[in-house]
Structure formats: C-alpha cells, structure tokens
PDB file of N, CA and C in Angstrom:
ATOM      1  N   UNK A   1       2.659-111.355 101.413  1.00  0.00           N
ATOM      2  CA  UNK A   1       1.476-111.200 102.057  1.00  0.00           C
ATOM      3  C   UNK A   1       1.110-110.521 102.784  1.00  0.00           C
ATOM      4  N   UNK A   2       0.143-109.224 102.982  1.00  0.00           N
ATOM      5  CA  UNK A   2       0.028-108.630 104.371  1.00  0.00           C
ATOM      6  C   UNK A   2      -1.153-109.170 105.069  1.00  0.00           C
ATOM      7  N   UNK A   3      -0.769-108.778 106.129  1.00  0.00           N
ATOM      8  CA  UNK A   3      -1.964-108.887 107.424  1.00  0.00           C
ATOM      9  C   UNK A   3      -3.181-107.883 107.051  1.00  0.00           C
ATOM     10  N   UNK A   4      -4.359-108.284 107.209  1.00  0.00           N
ATOM     11  CA  UNK A   4      -5.738-107.700 107.352  1.00  0.00           C
ATOM     12  C   UNK A   4      -5.468-107.061 108.600  1.00  0.00           C
ATOM     13  N   UNK A   5      -5.820-106.311 109.173  1.00  0.00           N
ATOM     14  CA  UNK A   5      -5.630-105.195 110.584  1.00  0.00           C
ATOM     15  C   UNK A   5      -7.230-104.748 110.726  1.00  0.00           C
ATOM     16  N   UNK A   6      -7.909-105.234 111.876  1.00  0.00           N
ATOM     17  CA  UNK A   6      -8.946-104.616 112.464  1.00  0.00           C
ATOM     18  C   UNK A   6      -8.832-103.337 113.298  1.00  0.00           C
ATOM     19  N   UNK A   7      -8.495-102.155 112.788  1.00  0.00           N
ATOM     20  CA  UNK A   7      -8.157-101.271 113.645  1.00  0.00           C
ATOM     21  C   UNK A   7      -9.361-100.375 113.860  1.00  0.00           C
ATOM     22  N   UNK A   8     -10.618-100.609 113.784  1.00  0.00           N
ATOM     23  CA  UNK A   8     -11.650 -99.603 114.215  1.00  0.00           C
ATOM     24  C   UNK A   8     -12.524-100.276 115.485  1.00  0.00           C
ATOM     25  N   UNK A   9     -12.893 -99.936 116.007  1.00  0.00           N
ATOM     26  CA  UNK A   9     -13.377-100.072 117.357  1.00  0.00           C
ATOM     27  C   UNK A   9     -15.096 -99.854 117.495  1.00  0.00           C
ATOM     28  N   UNK A  10     -15.790-101.043 118.175  1.00  0.00           N
ATOM     29  CA  UNK A  10     -17.184-101.142 118.225  1.00  0.00           C
ATOM     30  C   UNK A  10     -17.599-100.461 119.164  1.00  0.00           C
ATOM     31  N   UNK A  11     -18.874 -99.889 119.252  1.00  0.00           N
ATOM     32  CA  UNK A  11     -18.916 -99.293 120.670  1.00  0.00           C
ATOM     33  C   UNK A  11     -20.849 -98.839 120.537  1.00  0.00           C
ATOM     34  N   UNK A  12     -21.458 -98.832 121.572  1.00  0.00           N
ATOM     35  CA  UNK A  12     -22.801 -99.034 121.710  1.00  0.00           C
ATOM     36  C   UNK A  12     -22.984 -97.411 121.474  1.00  0.00           C
ATOM     37  N   UNK A  13     -24.282 -97.304 120.323  1.00  0.00           N
ATOM     38  CA  UNK A  13     -24.146 -96.061 120.398  1.00  0.00           C
ATOM     39  C   UNK A  13     -25.478 -95.663 120.368  1.00  0.00           C
ATOM     40  N   UNK A  14     -26.371 -94.781 121.273  1.00  0.00           N
ATOM     41  CA  UNK A  14     -27.661 -94.443 121.607  1.00  0.00           C
ATOM     42  C   UNK A  14     -28.243 -93.744 120.089  1.00  0.00           C
ATOM     43  N   UNK A  15     -29.533 -94.284 119.886  1.00  0.00           N
ATOM     44  CA  UNK A  15     -30.336 -93.839 118.755  1.00  0.00           C
ATOM     45  C   UNK A  15     -31.523 -93.491 118.755  1.00  0.00           C
ATOM     46  N   UNK A  16     -32.272 -93.813 120.302  1.00  0.00           N
ATOM     47  CA  UNK A  16     -33.622 -93.455 120.347  1.00  0.00           C
ATOM     48  C   UNK A  16     -33.834 -93.353 121.865  1.00  0.00           C
ATOM     49  N   UNK A  17     -35.192 -92.594 122.221  1.00  0.00           N
ATOM     50  CA  UNK A  17     -35.084 -92.906 123.974  1.00  0.00           C
ATOM     51  C   UNK A  17     -36.761 -92.699 123.711  1.00  0.00           C
ATOM     52  N   UNK A  18     -37.295 -93.308 124.667  1.00  0.00           N
ATOM     53  CA  UNK A  18     -38.701 -93.094 124.444  1.00  0.00           C
ATOM     54  C   UNK A  18     -39.472 -94.507 125.249  1.00  0.00           C
ATOM     55  N   UNK A  19     -40.782 -94.301 125.218  1.00  0.00           N
ATOM     56  CA  UNK A  19     -41.907 -95.751 125.894  1.00  0.00           C
ATOM     57  C   UNK A  19     -42.588 -96.228 125.151  1.00  0.00           C
ATOM     58  N   UNK A  20     -42.915 -97.441 125.658  1.00  0.00           N
ATOM     59  CA  UNK A  20     -43.503 -98.558 124.912  1.00  0.00           C
ATOM     60  C   UNK A  20     -44.662 -97.672 124.534  1.00  0.00           C
ATOM     61  N   UNK A  21     -45.536 -97.123 125.009  1.00  0.00           N
ATOM     62  CA  UNK A  21     -46.670 -96.442 124.806  1.00  0.00           C
ATOM     63  C   UNK A  21     -46.589 -95.381 123.710  1.00  0.00           C
ATOM     64  N   UNK A  22     -45.188 -94.750 123.511  1.00  0.00           N
ATOM     65  CA  UNK A  22     -44.659 -93.727 122.642  1.00  0.00           C
ATOM     66  C   UNK A  22     -44.314 -94.417 121.265  1.00  0.00           C
ATOM     67  N   UNK A  23     -44.003 -95.544 121.329  1.00  0.00           N
ATOM     68  CA  UNK A  23     -43.585 -96.502 120.132  1.00  0.00           C
ATOM     69  C   UNK A  23     -41.947 -95.666 119.723  1.00  0.00           C
ATOM     70  N   UNK A  24     -41.712 -96.283 118.653  1.00  0.00           N
ATOM     71  CA  UNK A  24     -40.002 -95.889 117.945  1.00  0.00           C
ATOM     72  C   UNK A  24     -40.564 -95.430 116.153  1.00  0.00           C
ATOM     73  N   UNK A  25     -39.854 -94.501 115.930  1.00  0.00           N
ATOM     74  CA  UNK A  25     -40.033 -94.122 114.781  1.00  0.00           C
ATOM     75  C   UNK A  25     -39.000 -94.817 113.623  1.00  0.00           C
ATOM     76  N   UNK A  26     -38.638 -95.889 114.074  1.00  0.00           N
ATOM     77  CA  UNK A  26     -37.709 -96.390 113.376  1.00  0.00           C
ATOM     78  C   UNK A  26     -38.506 -97.773 113.104  1.00  0.00           C
ATOM     79  N   UNK A  27     -39.111 -98.068 113.840  1.00  0.00           N
ATOM     80  CA  UNK A  27     -39.896 -99.597 113.563  1.00  0.00           C
ATOM     81  C   UNK A  27     -41.377 -99.525 113.904  1.00  0.00           C
ATOM     82  N   UNK A  28     -42.140 -99.874 113.036  1.00  0.00           N
ATOM     83  CA  UNK A  28     -43.679 -99.749 113.556  1.00  0.00           C
ATOM     84  C   UNK A  28     -44.149-100.608 114.746  1.00  0.00           C
ATOM     85  N   UNK A  29     -43.758-101.659 114.692  1.00  0.00           N
ATOM     86  CA  UNK A  29     -44.261-102.678 115.532  1.00  0.00           C
ATOM     87  C   UNK A  29     -43.518-103.061 116.702  1.00  0.00           C
ATOM     88  N   UNK A  30     -42.210-102.625 116.867  1.00  0.00           N
ATOM     89  CA  UNK A  30     -41.321-103.095 117.836  1.00  0.00           C
ATOM     90  C   UNK A  30     -41.957-102.382 119.333  1.00  0.00           C
ATOM     91  N   UNK A  31     -42.525-101.325 119.424  1.00  0.00           N
ATOM     92  CA  UNK A  31     -43.034-101.283 120.958  1.00  0.00           C
ATOM     93  C   UNK A  31     -44.357-102.151 121.146  1.00  0.00           C
ATOM     94  N   UNK A  32     -45.244-102.765 120.065  1.00  0.00           N
ATOM     95  CA  UNK A  32     -46.268-103.506 120.503  1.00  0.00           C
ATOM     96  C   UNK A  32     -45.910-104.874 120.814  1.00  0.00           C
ATOM     97  N   UNK A  33     -44.917-105.659 120.005  1.00  0.00           N
ATOM     98  CA  UNK A  33     -44.189-106.913 120.418  1.00  0.00           C
ATOM     99  C   UNK A  33     -43.418-106.581 121.526  1.00  0.00           C
ATOM    100  N   UNK A  34     -42.573-105.881 122.061  1.00  0.00           N
ATOM    101  CA  UNK A  34     -42.146-105.661 123.530  1.00  0.00           C
ATOM    102  C   UNK A  34     -43.294-105.660 124.444  1.00  0.00           C
ATOM    103  N   UNK A  35     -44.310-105.299 124.397  1.00  0.00           N
ATOM    104  CA  UNK A  35     -45.699-105.202 125.066  1.00  0.00           C
ATOM    105  C   UNK A  35     -45.926-106.477 125.613  1.00  0.00           C
ATOM    106  N   UNK A  36     -46.246-107.340 124.325  1.00  0.00           N
ATOM    107  CA  UNK A  36     -46.952-108.604 124.111  1.00  0.00           C
ATOM    108  C   UNK A  36     -45.939-109.350 124.584  1.00  0.00           C
ATOM    109  N   UNK A  37     -44.623-109.457 124.306  1.00  0.00           N
ATOM    110  CA  UNK A  37     -43.651-110.622 124.681  1.00  0.00           C
ATOM    111  C   UNK A  37     -42.483-110.200 125.797  1.00  0.00           C
ATOM    112  N   UNK A  38     -42.753-109.082 126.408  1.00  0.00           N
ATOM    113  CA  UNK A  38     -41.763-108.967 127.642  1.00  0.00           C
ATOM    114  C   UNK A  38     -42.564-108.287 128.905  1.00  0.00           C
ATOM    115  N   UNK A  39     -41.688-108.344 129.906  1.00  0.00           N
ATOM    116  CA  UNK A  39     -42.747-107.775 131.323  1.00  0.00           C
ATOM    117  C   UNK A  39     -41.793-106.337 130.998  1.00  0.00           C
ATOM    118  N   UNK A  40     -41.675-105.437 130.026  1.00  0.00           N
ATOM    119  CA  UNK A  40     -40.806-104.165 130.406  1.00  0.00           C
ATOM    120  C   UNK A  40     -42.073-103.415 130.569  1.00  0.00           C
ATOM    121  N   UNK A  41     -41.903-102.595 131.790  1.00  0.00           N
ATOM    122  CA  UNK A  41     -43.409-101.502 131.997  1.00  0.00           C
ATOM    123  C   UNK A  41     -43.196-100.790 130.932  1.00  0.00           C
ATOM    124  N   UNK A  42     -44.612-100.387 130.774  1.00  0.00           N
ATOM    125  CA  UNK A  42     -45.024 -99.762 129.694  1.00  0.00           C
ATOM    126  C   UNK A  42     -44.650 -98.061 129.944  1.00  0.00           C
ATOM    127  N   UNK A  43     -44.472 -97.890 131.247  1.00  0.00           N
ATOM    128  CA  UNK A  43     -44.252 -96.082 131.338  1.00  0.00           C
ATOM    129  C   UNK A  43     -42.646 -96.343 131.436  1.00  0.00           C
ATOM    130  N   UNK A  44     -41.711 -97.376 131.350  1.00  0.00           N
ATOM    131  CA  UNK A  44     -40.373 -97.437 131.734  1.00  0.00           C
ATOM    132  C   UNK A  44     -39.730 -96.418 130.594  1.00  0.00           C
ATOM    133  N   UNK A  45     -38.924 -95.493 131.058  1.00  0.00           N
ATOM    134  CA  UNK A  45     -37.934 -94.703 129.923  1.00  0.00           C
ATOM    135  C   UNK A  45     -37.073 -95.517 129.064  1.00  0.00           C
ATOM    136  N   UNK A  46     -37.269 -96.277 127.843  1.00  0.00           N
ATOM    137  CA  UNK A  46     -36.037 -96.762 127.346  1.00  0.00           C
ATOM    138  C   UNK A  46     -34.974 -95.627 126.758  1.00  0.00           C
ATOM    139  N   UNK A  47     -34.069 -96.672 126.423  1.00  0.00           N
ATOM    140  CA  UNK A  47     -33.114 -96.039 125.729  1.00  0.00           C
ATOM    141  C   UNK A  47     -32.731 -97.465 124.397  1.00  0.00           C
ATOM    142  N   UNK A  48     -32.773 -96.865 123.333  1.00  0.00           N
ATOM    143  CA  UNK A  48     -32.190 -98.075 122.199  1.00  0.00           C
ATOM    144  C   UNK A  48     -31.092 -97.262 121.994  1.00  0.00           C
ATOM    145  N   UNK A  49     -30.159 -98.350 121.685  1.00  0.00           N
ATOM    146  CA  UNK A  49     -28.573 -98.608 121.415  1.00  0.00           C
ATOM    147  C   UNK A  49     -28.562 -99.808 120.389  1.00  0.00           C
ATOM    148  N   UNK A  50     -27.461 -98.932 119.500  1.00  0.00           N
ATOM    149  CA  UNK A  50     -27.068-100.221 118.742  1.00  0.00           C
ATOM    150  C   UNK A  50     -25.297-100.312 118.526  1.00  0.00           C
ATOM    151  N   UNK A  51     -24.944-101.172 118.076  1.00  0.00           N
ATOM    152  CA  UNK A  51     -23.241-101.287 117.975  1.00  0.00           C
ATOM    153  C   UNK A  51     -23.052-100.952 116.786  1.00  0.00           C
ATOM    154  N   UNK A  52     -22.025 -99.883 116.956  1.00  0.00           N
ATOM    155  CA  UNK A  52     -21.618 -99.054 115.560  1.00  0.00           C
ATOM    156  C   UNK A  52     -20.527 -98.821 115.381  1.00  0.00           C
ATOM    157  N   UNK A  53     -19.608 -99.002 114.458  1.00  0.00           N
ATOM    158  CA  UNK A  53     -18.233 -98.371 114.371  1.00  0.00           C
ATOM    159  C   UNK A  53     -18.083 -96.990 113.509  1.00  0.00           C
ATOM    160  N   UNK A  54     -19.105 -96.879 112.634  1.00  0.00           N
ATOM    161  CA  UNK A  54     -19.015 -96.004 111.637  1.00  0.00           C
ATOM    162  C   UNK A  54     -18.344 -96.183 110.203  1.00  0.00           C
ATOM    163  N   UNK A  55     -17.734 -97.579 110.342  1.00  0.00           N
ATOM    164  CA  UNK A  55     -17.550 -98.230 108.760  1.00  0.00           C
ATOM    165  C   UNK A  55     -18.602 -98.478 108.016  1.00  0.00           C
ATOM    166  N   UNK A  56     -19.055 -97.901 106.610  1.00  0.00           N
ATOM    167  CA  UNK A  56     -19.730 -98.494 105.935  1.00  0.00           C
ATOM    168  C   UNK A  56     -19.650-100.500 105.770  1.00  0.00           C
ATOM    169  N   UNK A  57     -18.425-100.907 105.632  1.00  0.00           N
ATOM    170  CA  UNK A  57     -17.968-102.317 105.351  1.00  0.00           C
ATOM    171  C   UNK A  57     -18.294-103.109 106.715  1.00  0.00           C
ATOM    172  N   UNK A  58     -18.788-102.608 108.102  1.00  0.00           N
ATOM    173  CA  UNK A  58     -18.976-103.172 109.078  1.00  0.00           C
ATOM    174  C   UNK A  58     -20.537-102.748 109.704  1.00  0.00           C
ATOM    175  N   UNK A  59     -21.371-103.363 109.241  1.00  0.00           N
ATOM    176  CA  UNK A  59     -22.671-102.959 109.765  1.00  0.00           C
ATOM    177  C   UNK A  59     -22.791-103.491 111.072  1.00  0.00           C
ATOM    178  N   UNK A  60     -24.174-102.826 111.523  1.00  0.00           N
ATOM    179  CA  UNK A  60     -24.293-102.785 113.164  1.00  0.00           C
ATOM    180  C   UNK A  60     -25.393-104.150 112.923  1.00  0.00           C
ATOM    181  N   UNK A  61     -24.577-104.654 113.694  1.00  0.00           N
ATOM    182  CA  UNK A  61     -25.714-106.744 114.157  1.00  0.00           C
ATOM    183  C   UNK A  61     -26.327-106.556 115.426  1.00  0.00           C
ATOM    184  N   UNK A  62     -26.171-105.632 116.254  1.00  0.00           N
ATOM    185  CA  UNK A  62     -26.686-105.872 117.199  1.00  0.00           C
ATOM    186  C   UNK A  62     -27.696-104.877 117.994  1.00  0.00           C
ATOM    187  N   UNK A  63     -28.787-105.062 118.652  1.00  0.00           N
ATOM    188  CA  UNK A  63     -29.542-103.662 119.317  1.00  0.00           C
ATOM    189  C   UNK A  63     -29.665-103.780 120.793  1.00  0.00           C
ATOM    190  N   UNK A  64     -29.557-102.893 121.496  1.00  0.00           N
ATOM    191  CA  UNK A  64     -29.636-103.181 123.046  1.00  0.00           C
ATOM    192  C   UNK A  64     -30.864-102.263 123.209  1.00  0.00           C
ATOM    193  N   UNK A  65     -31.722-102.791 124.278  1.00  0.00           N
ATOM    194  CA  UNK A  65     -32.769-102.041 124.726  1.00  0.00           C
ATOM    195  C   UNK A  65     -32.319-101.655 126.677  1.00  0.00           C
ATOM    196  N   UNK A  66     -32.657-100.524 126.872  1.00  0.00           N
ATOM    197  CA  UNK A  66     -32.021-100.322 128.306  1.00  0.00           C
ATOM    198  C   UNK A  66     -33.027 -99.727 128.824  1.00  0.00           C
ATOM    199  N   UNK A  67     -33.502-100.031 130.127  1.00  0.00           N
ATOM    200  CA  UNK A  67     -34.322 -99.609 131.063  1.00  0.00           C
ATOM    201  C   UNK A  67     -34.114 -99.910 132.541  1.00  0.00           C
ATOM    202  N   UNK A  68     -34.119 -98.969 133.646  1.00  0.00           N
ATOM    203  CA  UNK A  68     -34.077 -99.211 134.899  1.00  0.00           C
ATOM    204  C   UNK A  68     -33.070-100.226 135.591  1.00  0.00           C
ATOM    205  N   UNK A  69     -32.012-100.098 134.720  1.00  0.00           N
ATOM    206  CA  UNK A  69     -30.695-100.445 134.827  1.00  0.00           C
ATOM    207  C   UNK A  69     -30.702-102.219 134.275  1.00  0.00           C
ATOM    208  N   UNK A  70     -31.608-102.368 133.223  1.00  0.00           N
ATOM    209  CA  UNK A  70     -31.494-103.708 132.790  1.00  0.00           C
ATOM    210  C   UNK A  70     -31.331-103.271 131.411  1.00  0.00           C
ATOM    211  N   UNK A  71     -30.586-104.624 130.760  1.00  0.00           N
ATOM    212  CA  UNK A  71     -30.221-104.250 129.341  1.00  0.00           C
ATOM    213  C   UNK A  71     -30.492-105.698 128.649  1.00  0.00           C
ATOM    214  N   UNK A  72     -31.299-105.725 127.488  1.00  0.00           N
ATOM    215  CA  UNK A  72     -32.004-106.726 126.798  1.00  0.00           C
ATOM    216  C   UNK A  72     -31.628-106.602 125.264  1.00  0.00           C
ATOM    217  N   UNK A  73     -30.662-107.425 125.393  1.00  0.00           N
ATOM    218  CA  UNK A  73     -30.118-107.727 123.765  1.00  0.00           C
ATOM    219  C   UNK A  73     -30.797-108.364 122.718  1.00  0.00           C
ATOM    220  N   UNK A  74     -30.902-107.638 121.625  1.00  0.00           N
ATOM    221  CA  UNK A  74     -31.226-108.581 120.387  1.00  0.00           C
ATOM    222  C   UNK A  74     -30.672-108.409 119.113  1.00  0.00           C
ATOM    223  N   UNK A  75     -30.114-109.765 118.598  1.00  0.00           N
ATOM    224  CA  UNK A  75     -29.172-109.899 117.636  1.00  0.00           C
ATOM    225  C   UNK A  75     -29.528-109.191 116.467  1.00  0.00           C
ATOM    226  N   UNK A  76     -29.919-108.450 116.045  1.00  0.00           N
ATOM    227  CA  UNK A  76     -30.582-107.630 114.830  1.00  0.00           C
ATOM    228  C   UNK A  76     -30.413-106.560 114.828  1.00  0.00           C
ATOM    229  N   UNK A  77     -30.389-105.753 113.419  1.00  0.00           N
ATOM    230  CA  UNK A  77     -30.487-103.993 113.482  1.00  0.00           C
ATOM    231  C   UNK A  77     -32.121-103.721 114.173  1.00  0.00           C
ATOM    232  N   UNK A  78     -31.732-102.499 114.449  1.00  0.00           N
ATOM    233  CA  UNK A  78     -33.173-102.105 115.069  1.00  0.00           C
ATOM    234  C   UNK A  78     -34.255-102.064 113.934  1.00  0.00           C
ATOM    235  N   UNK A  79     -34.336-101.430 112.811  1.00  0.00           N
ATOM    236  CA  UNK A  79     -34.993-101.689 111.853  1.00  0.00           C
ATOM    237  C   UNK A  79     -35.563-103.063 111.108  1.00  0.00           C
ATOM    238  N   UNK A  80     -34.696-104.189 111.561  1.00  0.00           N
ATOM    239  CA  UNK A  80     -34.951-105.482 110.880  1.00  0.00           C
ATOM    240  C   UNK A  80     -35.376-106.759 112.200  1.00  0.00           C
ATOM    241  N   UNK A  81     -35.814-106.033 113.190  1.00  0.00           N
ATOM    242  CA  UNK A  81     -36.059-107.046 114.433  1.00  0.00           C
ATOM    243  C   UNK A  81     -37.662-107.689 113.832  1.00  0.00           C
ATOM    244  N   UNK A  82     -37.905-108.931 114.177  1.00  0.00           N
ATOM    245  CA  UNK A  82     -39.168-109.542 113.912  1.00  0.00           C
ATOM    246  C   UNK A  82     -39.631-109.995 115.392  1.00  0.00           C
ATOM    247  N   UNK A  83     -40.786-109.942 115.004  1.00  0.00           N
ATOM    248  CA  UNK A  83     -41.624-110.697 116.453  1.00  0.00           C
ATOM    249  C   UNK A  83     -40.950-111.828 117.053  1.00  0.00           C
ATOM    250  N   UNK A  84     -40.367-112.921 116.014  1.00  0.00           N
ATOM    251  CA  UNK A  84     -39.662-113.897 116.955  1.00  0.00           C
ATOM    252  C   UNK A  84     -38.226-113.623 117.513  1.00  0.00           C
ATOM    253  N   UNK A  85     -37.695-112.620 116.941  1.00  0.00           N
ATOM    254  CA  UNK A  85     -36.384-112.107 117.608  1.00  0.00           C
ATOM    255  C   UNK A  85     -36.798-111.821 119.067  1.00  0.00           C
ATOM    256  N   UNK A  86     -37.707-110.683 118.814  1.00  0.00           N
ATOM    257  CA  UNK A  86     -38.276-110.119 120.212  1.00  0.00           C
ATOM    258  C   UNK A  86     -38.627-111.593 121.499  1.00  0.00           C
ATOM    259  N   UNK A  87     -39.335-112.563 120.940  1.00  0.00           N
ATOM    260  CA  UNK A  87     -39.504-113.653 121.844  1.00  0.00           C
ATOM    261  C   UNK A  87     -38.605-114.681 122.178  1.00  0.00           C
ATOM    262  N   UNK A  88     -37.914-114.762 121.255  1.00  0.00           N
ATOM    263  CA  UNK A  88     -36.375-115.611 121.670  1.00  0.00           C
ATOM    264  C   UNK A  88     -35.813-115.030 122.295  1.00  0.00           C
ATOM    265  N   UNK A  89     -35.423-113.735 122.194  1.00  0.00           N
ATOM    266  CA  UNK A  89     -34.303-112.845 122.801  1.00  0.00           C
ATOM    267  C   UNK A  89     -34.610-112.485 124.559  1.00  0.00           C
ATOM    268  N   UNK A  90     -36.048-112.501 124.547  1.00  0.00           N
ATOM    269  CA  UNK A  90     -36.691-112.030 125.614  1.00  0.00           C
ATOM    270  C   UNK A  90     -36.567-113.455 126.501  1.00  0.00           C
ATOM    271  N   UNK A  91     -37.099-114.602 126.125  1.00  0.00           N
ATOM    272  CA  UNK A  91     -36.867-115.948 126.538  1.00  0.00           C
ATOM    273  C   UNK A  91     -35.506-115.765 126.991  1.00  0.00           C
ATOM    274  N   UNK A  92     -34.427-115.893 126.428  1.00  0.00           N
ATOM    275  CA  UNK A  92     -33.130-116.011 126.884  1.00  0.00           C
ATOM    276  C   UNK A  92     -32.786-114.985 127.750  1.00  0.00           C
ATOM    277  N   UNK A  93     -32.643-113.523 128.054  1.00  0.00           N
ATOM    278  CA  UNK A  93     -32.776-112.767 128.679  1.00  0.00           C
ATOM    279  C   UNK A  93     -33.393-113.083 130.448  1.00  0.00           C
ATOM    280  N   UNK A  94     -34.787-113.686 129.824  1.00  0.00           N
ATOM    281  CA  UNK A  94     -35.303-113.892 131.532  1.00  0.00           C
ATOM    282  C   UNK A  94     -34.751-115.325 131.956  1.00  0.00           C
ATOM    283  N   UNK A  95     -34.137-116.288 131.408  1.00  0.00           N
ATOM    284  CA  UNK A  95     -33.801-117.245 131.903  1.00  0.00           C
ATOM    285  C   UNK A  95     -32.289-116.901 132.798  1.00  0.00           C
ATOM    286  N   UNK A  96     -31.545-115.679 131.937  1.00  0.00           N
ATOM    287  CA  UNK A  96     -30.537-114.959 132.615  1.00  0.00           C
ATOM    288  C   UNK A  96     -30.589-114.267 133.712  1.00  0.00           C
ATOM    289  N   UNK A  97     -31.757-114.193 133.820  1.00  0.00           N
ATOM    290  CA  UNK A  97     -32.023-112.792 135.274  1.00  0.00           C
ATOM    291  C   UNK A  97     -32.761-113.611 136.364  1.00  0.00           C
ATOM    292  N   UNK A  98     -32.866-114.991 136.080  1.00  0.00           N
ATOM    293  CA  UNK A  98     -34.018-116.091 136.905  1.00  0.00           C
ATOM    294  C   UNK A  98     -33.093-116.244 138.142  1.00  0.00           C
TER     295      UNK A  98
END
C-alpha cells in the first residue's frame, strides 16, 4: 500500500486591492458588509488574499483582508463570503486584538 504524499504548498495569493468605497469585482456585497460589521476605515487601502496552491483538487478555503498592518481572516472563498461570515469573523478578530 502506497503512502499519500502532500507535496504541494499553500501560500497566500493577492487577488484584489481597493477600498470599501470602491467595492470588489468578485463580490457585490462584501464592501457593504465590511462597512456595516467592522471598523475598517472606509478610505483604507485593502488587499484581499486567499490561500492557494494552484491544484484543482485543493480548493481555496480562506480569505484574508489586510490593511494598515492588520490581518482579518474569513474561513471561506472570497466569492462565497456571507454576511454572517463577516460578522462572526470580525467578532473573533476584535476579541483577539483587544
């Protein structure tokens, strides 16, 4: 019986940059929800990253939003983020930074 080897590596890949006021082309509501549920400044330059290894059999599972040396993670593909994901992830983020 052969061993299954995981020889690929996961890394953060930048997928978009912008501000809350400008929105994001991959998700029509994300900027609105981030404005509503977080304290991220509307004018802050945001970078959206996702975990990616490039293999079709290994889907992206997490999105990270970076601004002013802050990293806010949501455990969902960027296109599939829900309002509840933003709210719960921000509450978790906020308790860790206090």
